[in-house]
Amino acid sequence: MNRPLNHQGASATVQHYFDRAADLLDLDGNVRRLLLKPKREITVEVPIEMDNGQLEVFTGFRVQHNNARGPMKGGLRYHHEVNLDEVRALASLMTWKTAVVDIPYGGAKGGICVKSRDLSAKEKQRLTRKFVDQIHDVIGPDIDIPAPDMGTNSETMAWIRNQWEKYHGFSPACITGKPVENYGAKGREEATGRGVGILAFKMLNRLGQLPKDTDVVIQGFGNVGSHAAKFMYESDFKIIAISDVSGGYVNPEGINIPEALQHTLTHKTLEGLNNVHKITNEQLLELDCQLLIPAALGGVITMDNVADIKARYIIEGANGPIDADADQHLEAAGAIVLPDILANAGGVTVSYFEWVQNRQYYSWDLNRVRQELNAVLSKAFEEVWQTSQTHRVSLRTAAFMLAIQRVWDSAKLAGI
């Protein structure tokens, strides 16, 4: 999971990337305003009784950005820094993310401003159900389908489904990211990280770089980073450094990823991992490598450290790990960056598969989920790559161009 984007820069960063692509598409000001302005913004106060008997009131948000291409889709996060501007920016990114992988969704995002770790399980459940009580009539399988994000998980989604169905009846497609036993999709947990690995393989193949000759650094060993590391290790990449909250861990000869995964299961962090030397997370970003994957936090590559980034290729496993100024610097220096709106779209893609299975009341096996994920991401990558080559633009600008054009085409065809 990613920490929230700086709320003063979140919308500005999205606007910057949008405008750069919109300029190349020659979109006029009215079209830009139409595509950027959210369809609906909801702010609610959520009162709950805490375990100690005290009444607390938390602020919740749901921003529904665009539904030109289908029901809106996006995560729900519980974090004490959640604010409307951040949620607005992330909802917009979801519109472009679903469009770039060409699944029939628009974008949405939600959150509750709360310190999730300070809540007991019972408090978290009461908060979730009270929030659903206030927004149930504007979410659902044909309107807006939430999913897990920072501070929420499959259990939270099961509560949401149960509470929503009290109003609307049986419909597991009203939410994705559910437990497999609760109509969830097999492979959902690994999807984002596996997608990063799939796209790394596709991009480096296009660049003539063999996995066995590629030194990889992965910042973050949570859900995204660990699954990306597992897939890439099995695909013969040499992963020379990984990190988590305890620090960075380096072995120039390559880290044994199965051993690292087992270590984190036993010890919760990478602290004490054998056959590595420890550095800071900041130092890890600046290691000499072919491929860098920031898969933990937003805003980790800025103008303060971008000159020290040595990786030739970067894949954004996290949301917004590179700020706009640093991105321009990397592009000018010749680095190739695969942007987050494609690189970490594996999660929403498998959420789409879950929704499809729920609508059909038919469950896919894990192999089918993986094959379909590979097909969707491979097609999206080739389209972004060809757009980049044709227009001589970065992969980020190409991804935004494709996404914006698809959303605008759908809006025009529907009639404004």
Protein backbone atom coordinates (compact mmCIF):
# COMPACT_ATOMS: atom_id res chain seq x y z
CA MET A 1 0.00 0.00 0.00
CA ASN A 2 1.10 3.55 -0.63
CA ARG A 3 1.12 6.53 1.64
CA PRO A 4 -1.14 9.38 0.50
CA LEU A 5 0.20 11.80 -2.06
CA ASN A 6 1.03 15.24 -0.71
CA HIS A 7 -2.39 16.89 -0.85
CA GLN A 8 -0.91 20.17 -2.09
CA GLY A 9 0.62 18.43 -5.09
CA ALA A 10 -1.65 15.50 -5.91
CA SER A 11 -4.11 17.26 -8.20
CA ALA A 12 -1.38 19.46 -9.69
CA THR A 13 0.69 16.40 -10.65
CA VAL A 14 -2.27 14.69 -12.34
CA GLN A 15 -3.13 17.95 -14.12
CA HIS A 16 0.46 18.23 -15.36
CA TYR A 17 0.49 14.76 -16.92
CA PHE A 18 -3.03 15.24 -18.30
CA ASP A 19 -2.19 18.58 -19.92
CA ARG A 20 0.97 17.26 -21.55
CA ALA A 21 -1.02 14.48 -23.24
CA ALA A 22 -4.02 16.71 -23.99
CA ASP A 23 -1.73 19.20 -25.78
CA LEU A 24 -0.59 16.44 -28.14
CA LEU A 25 -4.22 15.39 -28.68
CA ASP A 26 -5.12 19.03 -29.40
CA LEU A 27 -8.05 19.03 -26.96
CA ASP A 28 -9.68 22.40 -26.34
CA GLY A 29 -10.28 23.91 -22.91
CA ASN A 30 -13.93 22.88 -22.64
CA VAL A 31 -13.10 19.21 -23.33
CA ARG A 32 -10.30 19.31 -20.77
CA ARG A 33 -12.61 20.70 -18.11
CA LEU A 34 -15.21 18.04 -18.91
CA LEU A 35 -12.68 15.21 -18.59
CA LEU A 36 -11.00 16.53 -15.46
CA LYS A 37 -14.01 17.58 -13.40
CA PRO A 38 -15.43 14.81 -11.15
CA LYS A 39 -18.98 13.64 -11.79
CA ARG A 40 -19.78 13.56 -8.07
CA GLU A 41 -17.99 14.31 -4.79
CA ILE A 42 -19.41 13.02 -1.52
CA THR A 43 -18.31 14.07 1.97
CA VAL A 44 -20.04 12.50 4.98
CA GLU A 45 -19.59 12.58 8.73
CA VAL A 46 -19.51 9.06 10.19
CA PRO A 47 -20.33 8.83 13.93
CA ILE A 48 -19.56 5.61 15.81
CA GLU A 49 -19.41 4.49 19.41
CA MET A 50 -15.87 3.45 20.37
CA ASP A 51 -15.17 0.42 22.54
CA ASN A 52 -14.69 2.70 25.57
CA GLY A 53 -18.19 4.14 25.13
CA GLN A 54 -17.02 7.49 23.72
CA LEU A 55 -18.62 8.95 20.58
CA GLU A 56 -16.22 9.74 17.73
CA VAL A 57 -17.04 11.33 14.38
CA PHE A 58 -14.89 10.61 11.33
CA THR A 59 -15.00 12.25 7.89
CA GLY A 60 -15.47 10.03 4.86
CA PHE A 61 -15.12 10.76 1.16
CA ARG A 62 -16.11 9.17 -2.13
CA VAL A 63 -15.18 10.88 -5.38
CA GLN A 64 -16.74 9.49 -8.55
CA HIS A 65 -14.73 10.93 -11.38
CA ASN A 66 -16.03 9.61 -14.69
CA ASN A 67 -18.42 6.91 -15.94
CA ALA A 68 -18.20 7.44 -19.70
CA ARG A 69 -16.73 3.95 -20.20
CA GLY A 70 -18.66 2.05 -17.51
CA PRO A 71 -19.28 1.83 -13.76
CA MET A 72 -16.75 3.72 -11.68
CA LYS A 73 -14.04 1.74 -9.90
CA GLY A 74 -11.57 2.54 -7.17
CA GLY A 75 -10.21 1.73 -3.75
CA LEU A 76 -11.32 2.76 -0.28
CA ARG A 77 -8.52 3.75 2.12
CA TYR A 78 -8.49 4.35 5.87
CA HIS A 79 -5.69 6.75 6.81
CA HIS A 80 -5.35 9.79 9.04
CA GLU A 81 -4.04 11.96 6.17
CA VAL A 82 -6.91 11.23 3.76
CA ASN A 83 -8.37 14.45 2.35
CA LEU A 84 -10.65 15.45 -0.49
CA ASP A 85 -7.91 16.72 -2.82
CA GLU A 86 -5.95 13.48 -2.56
CA VAL A 87 -9.06 11.38 -3.15
CA ARG A 88 -10.02 13.60 -6.10
CA ALA A 89 -6.59 13.11 -7.72
CA LEU A 90 -6.60 9.35 -7.19
CA ALA A 91 -10.13 9.05 -8.60
CA SER A 92 -8.92 10.79 -11.75
CA LEU A 93 -5.95 8.43 -12.01
CA MET A 94 -8.33 5.47 -11.80
CA THR A 95 -10.23 6.79 -14.82
CA TRP A 96 -7.01 6.81 -16.86
CA LYS A 97 -5.78 3.51 -15.40
CA THR A 98 -8.92 1.57 -16.36
CA ALA A 99 -8.92 3.19 -19.79
CA VAL A 100 -5.29 2.43 -20.55
CA VAL A 101 -5.82 -1.31 -19.92
CA ASP A 102 -9.15 -1.02 -21.78
CA ILE A 103 -11.49 -2.52 -19.19
CA PRO A 104 -15.07 -1.16 -19.11
CA TYR A 105 -14.82 1.05 -16.05
CA GLY A 106 -14.48 4.66 -15.06
CA GLY A 107 -12.62 5.99 -12.05
CA ALA A 108 -13.50 6.57 -8.40
CA LYS A 109 -11.74 6.67 -5.05
CA GLY A 110 -12.76 6.89 -1.42
CA GLY A 111 -11.38 7.17 2.06
CA ILE A 112 -12.05 7.83 5.71
CA CYS A 113 -9.77 10.11 7.71
CA VAL A 114 -8.88 7.80 10.61
CA LYS A 115 -5.83 6.15 12.13
CA SER A 116 -6.73 2.64 11.06
CA ARG A 117 -4.19 0.93 13.28
CA ASP A 118 -5.71 2.57 16.36
CA LEU A 119 -9.10 0.95 15.72
CA SER A 120 -10.10 -2.40 17.16
CA ALA A 121 -11.64 -4.90 14.72
CA LYS A 122 -15.10 -4.14 16.15
CA GLU A 123 -14.60 -0.37 15.82
CA LYS A 124 -13.40 -0.77 12.24
CA GLN A 125 -16.43 -2.88 11.37
CA ARG A 126 -18.83 -0.36 12.92
CA LEU A 127 -17.12 2.48 11.03
CA THR A 128 -17.32 0.57 7.74
CA ARG A 129 -21.00 -0.29 8.13
CA LYS A 130 -21.92 3.28 9.13
CA PHE A 131 -20.05 4.62 6.11
CA VAL A 132 -21.94 2.23 3.82
CA ASP A 133 -25.21 3.37 5.40
CA GLN A 134 -24.47 6.88 4.12
CA ILE A 135 -23.29 6.06 0.58
CA HIS A 136 -25.06 2.79 -0.31
CA ASP A 137 -27.42 4.46 -2.75
CA VAL A 138 -24.57 5.83 -4.90
CA ILE A 139 -22.44 2.66 -5.06
CA GLY A 140 -23.22 -0.76 -6.50
CA PRO A 141 -22.33 -3.16 -9.34
CA ASP A 142 -23.64 -0.85 -12.07
CA ILE A 143 -22.65 2.48 -10.48
CA ASP A 144 -19.41 2.44 -8.47
CA ILE A 145 -17.57 -0.64 -7.22
CA PRO A 146 -15.15 -0.04 -4.30
CA ALA A 147 -12.10 -2.20 -3.56
CA PRO A 148 -9.39 -2.47 -0.86
CA ASP A 149 -6.70 0.16 -0.46
CA MET A 150 -4.42 1.39 2.31
CA GLY A 151 -5.82 0.45 5.72
CA THR A 152 -8.54 -1.81 4.31
CA ASN A 153 -8.49 -5.44 3.22
CA SER A 154 -10.65 -8.33 2.05
CA GLU A 155 -12.41 -8.53 5.42
CA THR A 156 -13.42 -4.86 5.11
CA MET A 157 -14.85 -5.62 1.67
CA ALA A 158 -16.89 -8.51 3.11
CA TRP A 159 -18.42 -6.09 5.65
CA ILE A 160 -19.24 -3.61 2.90
CA ARG A 161 -20.89 -6.29 0.80
CA ASN A 162 -22.96 -7.54 3.73
CA GLN A 163 -24.12 -4.03 4.68
CA TRP A 164 -24.88 -3.00 1.10
CA GLU A 165 -26.92 -6.17 0.52
CA LYS A 166 -29.12 -5.33 3.51
CA TYR A 167 -30.47 -2.47 1.39
CA HIS A 168 -30.31 -3.94 -2.11
CA GLY A 169 -30.33 -7.74 -1.90
CA PHE A 170 -27.83 -10.38 -2.96
CA SER A 171 -25.21 -9.01 -5.36
CA PRO A 172 -21.58 -9.98 -4.68
CA ALA A 173 -20.50 -7.81 -7.65
CA CYS A 174 -21.19 -4.68 -5.57
CA ILE A 175 -17.61 -4.86 -4.24
CA THR A 176 -14.31 -6.46 -5.28
CA GLY A 177 -11.28 -7.60 -3.33
CA LYS A 178 -13.46 -9.92 -1.24
CA PRO A 179 -12.14 -13.12 0.39
CA VAL A 180 -12.16 -16.06 -2.03
CA GLU A 181 -14.67 -17.78 0.29
CA ASN A 182 -16.93 -14.72 -0.10
CA TYR A 183 -17.07 -14.70 -3.93
CA GLY A 184 -13.62 -13.15 -4.30
CA ALA A 185 -11.29 -13.90 -7.24
CA LYS A 186 -8.41 -16.31 -7.03
CA GLY A 187 -5.16 -14.47 -7.68
CA ARG A 188 -6.41 -11.06 -6.53
CA GLU A 189 -3.82 -10.72 -3.75
CA GLU A 190 -0.89 -11.34 -6.09
CA ALA A 191 -2.34 -9.42 -9.03
CA THR A 192 -0.65 -6.01 -8.73
CA GLY A 193 2.80 -7.42 -8.02
CA ARG A 194 2.48 -10.14 -10.64
CA GLY A 195 1.40 -7.47 -13.12
CA VAL A 196 4.55 -5.46 -12.36
CA GLY A 197 6.60 -8.58 -13.11
CA ILE A 198 4.75 -9.31 -16.34
CA LEU A 199 5.26 -5.76 -17.57
CA ALA A 200 8.93 -5.75 -16.56
CA PHE A 201 9.42 -8.82 -18.74
CA LYS A 202 7.55 -7.20 -21.67
CA MET A 203 9.36 -3.87 -21.45
CA LEU A 204 12.87 -5.31 -21.14
CA ASN A 205 12.18 -7.72 -23.98
CA ARG A 206 11.32 -4.71 -26.16
CA LEU A 207 14.57 -3.08 -25.08
CA GLY A 208 16.65 -6.19 -25.83
CA GLN A 209 17.56 -6.68 -22.17
CA LEU A 210 17.62 -10.30 -20.96
CA PRO A 211 16.30 -11.04 -17.44
CA LYS A 212 19.47 -12.89 -16.42
CA ASP A 213 21.53 -9.80 -17.32
CA THR A 214 19.27 -7.41 -15.41
CA ASP A 215 20.14 -6.27 -11.89
CA VAL A 216 16.86 -5.34 -10.18
CA VAL A 217 16.27 -3.18 -7.09
CA ILE A 218 12.80 -3.30 -5.48
CA GLN A 219 11.87 -0.70 -2.89
CA GLY A 220 9.13 -2.21 -0.76
CA PHE A 221 8.48 -5.83 0.14
CA GLY A 222 4.80 -5.58 1.00
CA ASN A 223 2.00 -6.99 -1.13
CA VAL A 224 3.16 -5.43 -4.41
CA GLY A 225 6.92 -5.70 -3.97
CA SER A 226 6.96 -9.26 -2.62
CA HIS A 227 4.75 -10.67 -5.38
CA ALA A 228 6.72 -8.77 -8.03
CA ALA A 229 9.96 -10.15 -6.56
CA LYS A 230 8.60 -13.72 -6.53
CA PHE A 231 7.47 -13.56 -10.17
CA MET A 232 10.70 -11.94 -11.35
CA TYR A 233 12.94 -14.33 -9.38
CA GLU A 234 11.13 -17.24 -11.02
CA SER A 235 11.61 -15.50 -14.40
CA ASP A 236 15.42 -15.45 -13.95
CA PHE A 237 15.88 -11.76 -13.04
CA LYS A 238 18.72 -11.04 -10.60
CA ILE A 239 17.25 -9.13 -7.68
CA ILE A 240 20.15 -7.47 -5.90
CA ALA A 241 18.26 -5.39 -3.33
CA ILE A 242 14.91 -5.28 -1.53
CA SER A 243 13.58 -3.21 1.35
CA ASP A 244 10.80 -2.71 3.87
CA VAL A 245 10.21 -0.45 6.88
CA SER A 246 13.28 -1.92 8.60
CA GLY A 247 15.67 -0.78 5.85
CA GLY A 248 17.26 -1.91 2.60
CA TYR A 249 19.08 -5.22 2.07
CA VAL A 250 21.67 -5.79 -0.65
CA ASN A 251 23.50 -8.74 -2.18
CA PRO A 252 25.24 -7.92 -5.51
CA GLU A 253 25.20 -11.63 -6.40
CA GLY A 254 21.42 -11.80 -6.04
CA ILE A 255 19.02 -12.30 -3.13
CA ASN A 256 17.30 -15.63 -2.52
CA ILE A 257 13.70 -14.41 -2.76
CA PRO A 258 11.99 -17.60 -1.48
CA GLU A 259 14.22 -17.35 1.61
CA ALA A 260 13.29 -13.66 2.02
CA LEU A 261 9.57 -14.45 1.73
CA GLN A 262 9.87 -17.17 4.37
CA HIS A 263 11.83 -14.81 6.62
CA THR A 264 9.09 -12.17 6.50
CA LEU A 265 6.45 -14.78 7.29
CA THR A 266 8.40 -15.77 10.41
CA HIS A 267 9.77 -12.40 11.54
CA LYS A 268 7.28 -9.91 10.01
CA THR A 269 10.12 -7.79 8.52
CA LEU A 270 13.35 -8.37 6.57
CA GLU A 271 15.46 -7.48 9.63
CA GLY A 272 18.00 -10.25 10.21
CA LEU A 273 17.88 -11.70 6.68
CA ASN A 274 20.98 -13.81 5.90
CA ASN A 275 23.59 -13.15 3.21
CA VAL A 276 22.83 -9.43 2.76
CA HIS A 277 24.21 -6.15 4.02
CA LYS A 278 21.91 -3.43 5.29
CA ILE A 279 21.51 0.10 3.92
CA THR A 280 18.83 2.78 4.18
CA ASN A 281 15.80 2.96 1.91
CA GLU A 282 17.18 6.22 0.53
CA GLN A 283 20.50 4.59 -0.36
CA LEU A 284 18.67 1.68 -1.96
CA LEU A 285 17.04 3.99 -4.53
CA GLU A 286 20.47 5.22 -5.59
CA LEU A 287 22.07 1.80 -6.17
CA ASP A 288 23.72 1.05 -9.51
CA CYS A 289 21.24 -1.24 -11.34
CA GLN A 290 19.48 -1.68 -14.66
CA LEU A 291 15.92 -1.74 -13.27
CA LEU A 292 14.47 0.09 -10.26
CA ILE A 293 10.95 -0.69 -8.99
CA PRO A 294 9.62 1.74 -6.35
CA ALA A 295 6.78 -0.39 -4.94
CA ALA A 296 6.15 1.08 -1.51
CA LEU A 297 5.61 4.82 -1.13
CA GLY A 298 4.50 7.77 -3.19
CA GLY A 299 6.86 10.70 -3.72
CA VAL A 300 10.16 8.90 -3.12
CA ILE A 301 11.98 10.25 -6.19
CA THR A 302 12.09 14.05 -6.19
CA MET A 303 14.40 16.82 -7.34
CA ASP A 304 16.33 16.29 -4.11
CA ASN A 305 17.57 12.83 -5.14
CA VAL A 306 16.82 12.36 -8.83
CA ALA A 307 20.37 13.25 -9.90
CA ASP A 308 21.59 10.27 -7.86
CA ILE A 309 19.25 7.73 -9.49
CA LYS A 310 21.38 5.42 -11.62
CA ALA A 311 18.77 2.98 -12.95
CA ARG A 312 18.24 3.04 -16.71
CA TYR A 313 14.72 1.69 -16.39
CA ILE A 314 12.07 2.38 -13.73
CA ILE A 315 8.72 0.66 -13.24
CA GLU A 316 6.28 2.43 -10.91
CA GLY A 317 4.84 -0.30 -8.71
CA ALA A 318 3.58 2.33 -6.25
CA ASN A 319 1.19 5.18 -7.03
CA GLY A 320 3.05 8.41 -7.76
CA PRO A 321 6.59 7.43 -6.64
CA ILE A 322 8.15 10.06 -8.95
CA ASP A 323 7.11 13.70 -8.75
CA ALA A 324 6.50 15.69 -11.94
CA ASP A 325 9.76 17.66 -11.92
CA ALA A 326 11.84 14.56 -11.24
CA ASP A 327 9.99 12.74 -14.02
CA GLN A 328 11.00 15.43 -16.50
CA HIS A 329 14.61 15.20 -15.30
CA LEU A 330 14.65 11.41 -15.79
CA GLU A 331 13.15 11.72 -19.25
CA ALA A 332 15.77 14.28 -20.26
CA ALA A 333 18.50 11.98 -18.91
CA GLY A 334 17.25 9.12 -21.10
CA ALA A 335 15.76 6.92 -18.40
CA ILE A 336 12.71 4.89 -19.45
CA VAL A 337 9.84 4.97 -16.94
CA LEU A 338 6.81 2.70 -17.11
CA PRO A 339 4.09 4.79 -15.42
CA ASP A 340 1.90 3.72 -12.54
CA ILE A 341 -1.35 3.98 -14.53
CA LEU A 342 -0.14 0.94 -16.50
CA ALA A 343 2.53 -0.62 -14.28
CA ASN A 344 0.30 -1.30 -11.25
CA ALA A 345 -2.96 -1.87 -13.14
CA GLY A 346 -2.86 -5.62 -12.47
CA GLY A 347 -4.92 -5.15 -9.30
CA VAL A 348 -7.85 -3.37 -10.94
CA THR A 349 -7.68 -5.80 -13.87
CA VAL A 350 -8.21 -8.81 -11.61
CA SER A 351 -10.87 -6.82 -9.73
CA TYR A 352 -12.61 -6.60 -13.12
CA PHE A 353 -12.30 -10.37 -13.48
CA GLU A 354 -13.86 -10.77 -10.03
CA TRP A 355 -16.76 -8.51 -11.05
CA VAL A 356 -17.25 -10.50 -14.27
CA GLN A 357 -17.31 -13.81 -12.35
CA ASN A 358 -19.77 -12.39 -9.81
CA ARG A 359 -22.09 -11.17 -12.58
CA GLN A 360 -21.98 -14.59 -14.24
CA TYR A 361 -22.10 -16.58 -10.98
CA TYR A 362 -19.22 -18.62 -12.35
CA SER A 363 -15.77 -18.97 -10.78
CA TRP A 364 -12.51 -19.13 -12.75
CA ASP A 365 -9.52 -21.18 -11.63
CA LEU A 366 -6.18 -19.52 -10.86
CA ASN A 367 -4.58 -20.48 -14.18
CA ARG A 368 -7.34 -18.76 -16.12
CA VAL A 369 -7.03 -15.60 -14.00
CA ARG A 370 -3.28 -15.51 -14.63
CA GLN A 371 -3.67 -16.13 -18.37
CA GLU A 372 -6.32 -13.42 -18.72
CA LEU A 373 -4.18 -10.97 -16.69
CA ASN A 374 -1.19 -11.63 -18.94
CA ALA A 375 -3.34 -11.09 -22.04
CA VAL A 376 -4.82 -7.77 -20.86
CA LEU A 377 -1.51 -6.31 -19.67
CA SER A 378 0.42 -7.51 -22.72
CA LYS A 379 -2.09 -5.88 -25.08
CA ALA A 380 -2.05 -2.64 -23.07
CA PHE A 381 1.74 -2.53 -23.01
CA GLU A 382 2.03 -3.02 -26.77
CA GLU A 383 -0.50 -0.23 -27.40
CA VAL A 384 1.35 2.15 -25.09
CA TRP A 385 4.71 1.19 -26.59
CA GLN A 386 3.50 1.75 -30.17
CA THR A 387 1.93 5.10 -29.24
CA SER A 388 5.22 6.12 -27.63
CA GLN A 389 7.19 5.17 -30.74
CA THR A 390 4.74 6.76 -33.18
CA HIS A 391 4.51 10.11 -31.38
CA ARG A 392 8.09 10.09 -30.01
CA VAL A 393 6.90 10.64 -26.44
CA SER A 394 7.57 9.00 -23.09
CA LEU A 395 5.65 5.91 -22.04
CA ARG A 396 3.84 8.02 -19.44
CA THR A 397 2.63 10.55 -21.99
CA ALA A 398 1.69 7.73 -24.38
CA ALA A 399 -0.36 6.01 -21.67
CA PHE A 400 -2.21 9.23 -20.86
CA MET A 401 -2.82 9.92 -24.55
CA LEU A 402 -4.39 6.50 -25.07
CA ALA A 403 -6.50 6.74 -21.93
CA ILE A 404 -7.74 10.29 -22.51
CA GLN A 405 -8.64 9.54 -26.13
CA ARG A 406 -10.66 6.48 -25.10
CA VAL A 407 -12.59 8.36 -22.43
CA TRP A 408 -13.28 11.31 -24.75
CA ASP A 409 -14.40 8.99 -27.57
CA SER A 410 -16.87 7.27 -25.23
CA ALA A 411 -18.20 10.60 -23.98
CA LYS A 412 -18.72 11.85 -27.54
CA LEU A 413 -20.42 8.67 -28.70
CA ALA A 414 -22.85 8.79 -25.78
CA GLY A 415 -23.78 12.39 -26.58
CA ILE A 416 -22.98 15.30 -24.30
